[in-house]
């Protein structure tokens, strides 16, 4: 019972902190979410790819659970599937230049991504070192920090590479 209460409180604290950060970003006008028509179309395609990736990941998770038996707890499986869908959405948006609106400051948002990534990967490493990421042969919810950290690192890396390639393309012209 204490474990479930701790997980619920930790999840609530994480969601609360995330909502607080988003509210602050909107108040400081760092996030504007005003996209032009081209970006809106590209984001629609990205949502479609992300949705189908989420569906495929959920199907794969269910099939693996049926074939192998329980290999992770349900919340872990859900978060891993969400990470797959969100990563596909974000990468598609970045490649189609529809990830940030024209009014947003990419440096501030990418700095926030670095902080979130470092914190989550650090928490994941702590759980690995504590040895509580796997219990009784089942991957526990404690691996989700590592999964989210890796997801954000991938998104950040794709953004940086895309930005560098775009700058080189502009210099060549």
Protein backbone atom coordinates (compact mmCIF):
# COMPACT_ATOMS: atom_id res chain seq x y z
CA UNK A 1 0.00 0.00 0.00
CA UNK A 2 2.82 2.42 0.85
CA UNK A 3 4.48 1.69 -2.48
CA UNK A 4 1.35 2.55 -4.48
CA UNK A 5 0.83 5.71 -2.43
CA UNK A 6 4.44 6.72 -3.02
CA UNK A 7 4.13 6.13 -6.75
CA UNK A 8 0.87 8.08 -6.89
CA UNK A 9 2.35 11.00 -4.93
CA UNK A 10 5.51 10.99 -7.06
CA UNK A 11 3.46 10.94 -10.24
CA UNK A 12 1.24 13.75 -8.97
CA UNK A 13 4.29 15.82 -8.00
CA UNK A 14 5.85 15.27 -11.44
CA UNK A 15 2.65 16.23 -13.25
CA UNK A 16 2.22 19.26 -11.00
CA UNK A 17 5.79 20.40 -11.66
CA UNK A 18 5.29 19.91 -15.41
CA UNK A 19 2.07 21.93 -15.40
CA UNK A 20 3.78 24.68 -13.38
CA UNK A 21 6.67 24.88 -15.86
CA UNK A 22 4.30 25.06 -18.84
CA UNK A 23 2.23 27.79 -17.16
CA UNK A 24 5.38 29.79 -16.43
CA UNK A 25 6.59 29.38 -20.02
CA UNK A 26 3.27 30.70 -21.34
CA UNK A 27 3.28 33.63 -18.86
CA UNK A 28 6.81 34.64 -19.84
CA UNK A 29 5.78 34.30 -23.49
CA UNK A 30 8.46 31.72 -24.20
CA UNK A 31 5.81 29.32 -25.53
CA UNK A 32 3.37 30.89 -27.93
CA UNK A 33 1.97 27.93 -29.91
CA UNK A 34 1.11 30.14 -32.87
CA UNK A 35 1.98 28.18 -35.98
CA UNK A 36 1.56 29.21 -39.61
CA UNK A 37 -0.54 27.16 -42.02
CA UNK A 38 2.41 25.14 -43.31
CA UNK A 39 3.42 24.24 -39.76
CA UNK A 40 -0.17 23.31 -38.85
CA UNK A 41 -0.34 20.89 -41.79
CA UNK A 42 3.05 19.40 -40.87
CA UNK A 43 1.98 19.02 -37.24
CA UNK A 44 -1.17 17.21 -38.40
CA UNK A 45 0.97 14.71 -40.31
CA UNK A 46 3.23 14.37 -37.25
CA UNK A 47 0.21 13.72 -35.00
CA UNK A 48 -0.90 10.99 -37.41
CA UNK A 49 2.55 9.34 -37.39
CA UNK A 50 2.77 9.66 -33.61
CA UNK A 51 -0.70 8.17 -33.15
CA UNK A 52 0.02 5.18 -35.37
CA UNK A 53 3.37 4.68 -33.64
CA UNK A 54 1.59 4.71 -30.29
CA UNK A 55 -0.91 2.15 -31.58
CA UNK A 56 1.89 -0.08 -32.88
CA UNK A 57 3.83 0.24 -29.61
CA UNK A 58 0.73 -0.68 -27.58
CA UNK A 59 0.08 -3.67 -29.82
CA UNK A 60 3.72 -4.76 -29.52
CA UNK A 61 3.60 -4.34 -25.73
CA UNK A 62 0.44 -6.43 -25.53
CA UNK A 63 1.84 -9.14 -27.80
CA UNK A 64 5.10 -9.33 -25.84
CA UNK A 65 3.13 -9.56 -22.61
CA UNK A 66 1.08 -12.44 -24.02
CA UNK A 67 4.06 -14.31 -25.46
CA UNK A 68 6.69 -13.68 -22.77
CA UNK A 69 4.41 -13.19 -19.80
CA UNK A 70 4.61 -10.06 -17.67
CA UNK A 71 7.98 -8.45 -18.35
CA UNK A 72 7.10 -5.00 -16.99
CA UNK A 73 4.37 -3.48 -14.84
CA UNK A 74 1.42 -1.89 -16.62
CA UNK A 75 2.41 1.73 -15.96
CA UNK A 76 5.90 1.09 -17.30
CA UNK A 77 4.49 -0.41 -20.48
CA UNK A 78 2.17 2.55 -20.93
CA UNK A 79 4.96 5.08 -20.43
CA UNK A 80 7.29 3.25 -22.82
CA UNK A 81 4.55 3.25 -25.48
CA UNK A 82 3.89 6.96 -24.88
CA UNK A 83 7.61 7.69 -25.23
CA UNK A 84 7.62 5.93 -28.62
CA UNK A 85 4.63 7.93 -29.89
CA UNK A 86 5.88 11.26 -28.57
CA UNK A 87 9.34 10.68 -30.04
CA UNK A 88 7.91 9.96 -33.49
CA UNK A 89 5.68 13.06 -33.25
CA UNK A 90 8.53 15.33 -32.13
CA UNK A 91 11.06 14.06 -34.67
CA UNK A 92 8.54 14.42 -37.50
CA UNK A 93 7.76 17.98 -36.41
CA UNK A 94 11.44 18.87 -36.20
CA UNK A 95 12.24 17.45 -39.63
CA UNK A 96 9.28 19.34 -41.13
CA UNK A 97 10.27 22.56 -39.26
CA UNK A 98 7.03 22.60 -37.28
CA UNK A 99 8.28 21.83 -33.76
CA UNK A 100 8.54 25.40 -32.51
CA UNK A 101 6.40 28.29 -33.65
CA UNK A 102 8.01 31.24 -35.35
CA UNK A 103 7.65 33.35 -32.17
CA UNK A 104 9.28 30.91 -29.75
CA UNK A 105 12.85 31.18 -28.52
CA UNK A 106 14.49 27.85 -29.35
CA UNK A 107 17.49 28.44 -27.07
CA UNK A 108 15.35 28.70 -23.93
CA UNK A 109 13.26 25.65 -24.79
CA UNK A 110 16.28 23.54 -25.72
CA UNK A 111 18.00 24.58 -22.46
CA UNK A 112 14.92 23.40 -20.59
CA UNK A 113 15.11 20.12 -22.53
CA UNK A 114 18.76 19.68 -21.49
CA UNK A 115 17.81 20.20 -17.83
CA UNK A 116 14.86 17.79 -18.02
CA UNK A 117 16.98 15.21 -19.81
CA UNK A 118 19.87 15.41 -17.33
CA UNK A 119 17.53 15.19 -14.33
CA UNK A 120 15.64 12.18 -15.72
CA UNK A 121 18.74 10.30 -16.83
CA UNK A 122 20.36 10.99 -13.45
CA UNK A 123 17.32 9.60 -11.65
CA UNK A 124 17.39 6.57 -13.94
CA UNK A 125 21.08 5.94 -13.18
CA UNK A 126 20.34 6.22 -9.44
CA UNK A 127 17.63 3.56 -9.81
CA UNK A 128 20.01 1.32 -11.75
CA UNK A 129 22.68 1.69 -9.07
CA UNK A 130 20.13 1.04 -6.31
CA UNK A 131 19.11 -2.13 -8.12
CA UNK A 132 15.40 -1.41 -7.86
CA UNK A 133 14.67 -1.00 -11.56
CA UNK A 134 13.89 -4.71 -11.89
CA UNK A 135 12.03 -6.61 -9.17
CA UNK A 136 11.27 -10.32 -9.45
CA UNK A 137 12.27 -10.26 -13.11
CA UNK A 138 9.79 -7.48 -13.94
CA UNK A 139 10.80 -4.02 -15.12
CA UNK A 140 9.33 -1.52 -12.63
CA UNK A 141 8.05 2.01 -12.94
CA UNK A 142 11.46 3.27 -11.83
CA UNK A 143 12.76 2.86 -15.38
CA UNK A 144 10.42 5.54 -16.71
CA UNK A 145 12.76 8.37 -15.73
CA UNK A 146 15.48 6.81 -17.84
CA UNK A 147 13.05 6.27 -20.74
CA UNK A 148 11.83 9.88 -20.63
CA UNK A 149 15.42 11.14 -20.35
CA UNK A 150 16.47 9.13 -23.39
CA UNK A 151 13.39 10.30 -25.32
CA UNK A 152 14.15 13.95 -24.64
CA UNK A 153 17.83 13.44 -25.47
CA UNK A 154 16.85 11.91 -28.84
CA UNK A 155 14.50 14.83 -29.57
CA UNK A 156 17.21 17.31 -28.57
CA UNK A 157 19.83 15.56 -30.73
CA UNK A 158 17.51 15.53 -33.76
CA UNK A 159 16.76 19.23 -33.22
CA UNK A 160 20.47 20.11 -33.01
CA UNK A 161 21.42 18.02 -36.07
CA UNK A 162 18.50 19.44 -38.06
CA UNK A 163 19.45 22.99 -37.04
CA UNK A 164 23.11 22.45 -38.02
CA UNK A 165 22.14 20.93 -41.40
CA UNK A 166 19.76 23.81 -42.08
CA UNK A 167 22.48 26.36 -41.26
CA UNK A 168 24.93 24.59 -43.61
CA UNK A 169 22.31 24.56 -46.35
CA UNK A 170 21.75 28.30 -45.94
CA UNK A 171 25.51 28.97 -46.03
CA UNK A 172 25.86 26.95 -49.27
CA UNK A 173 23.25 29.11 -50.99
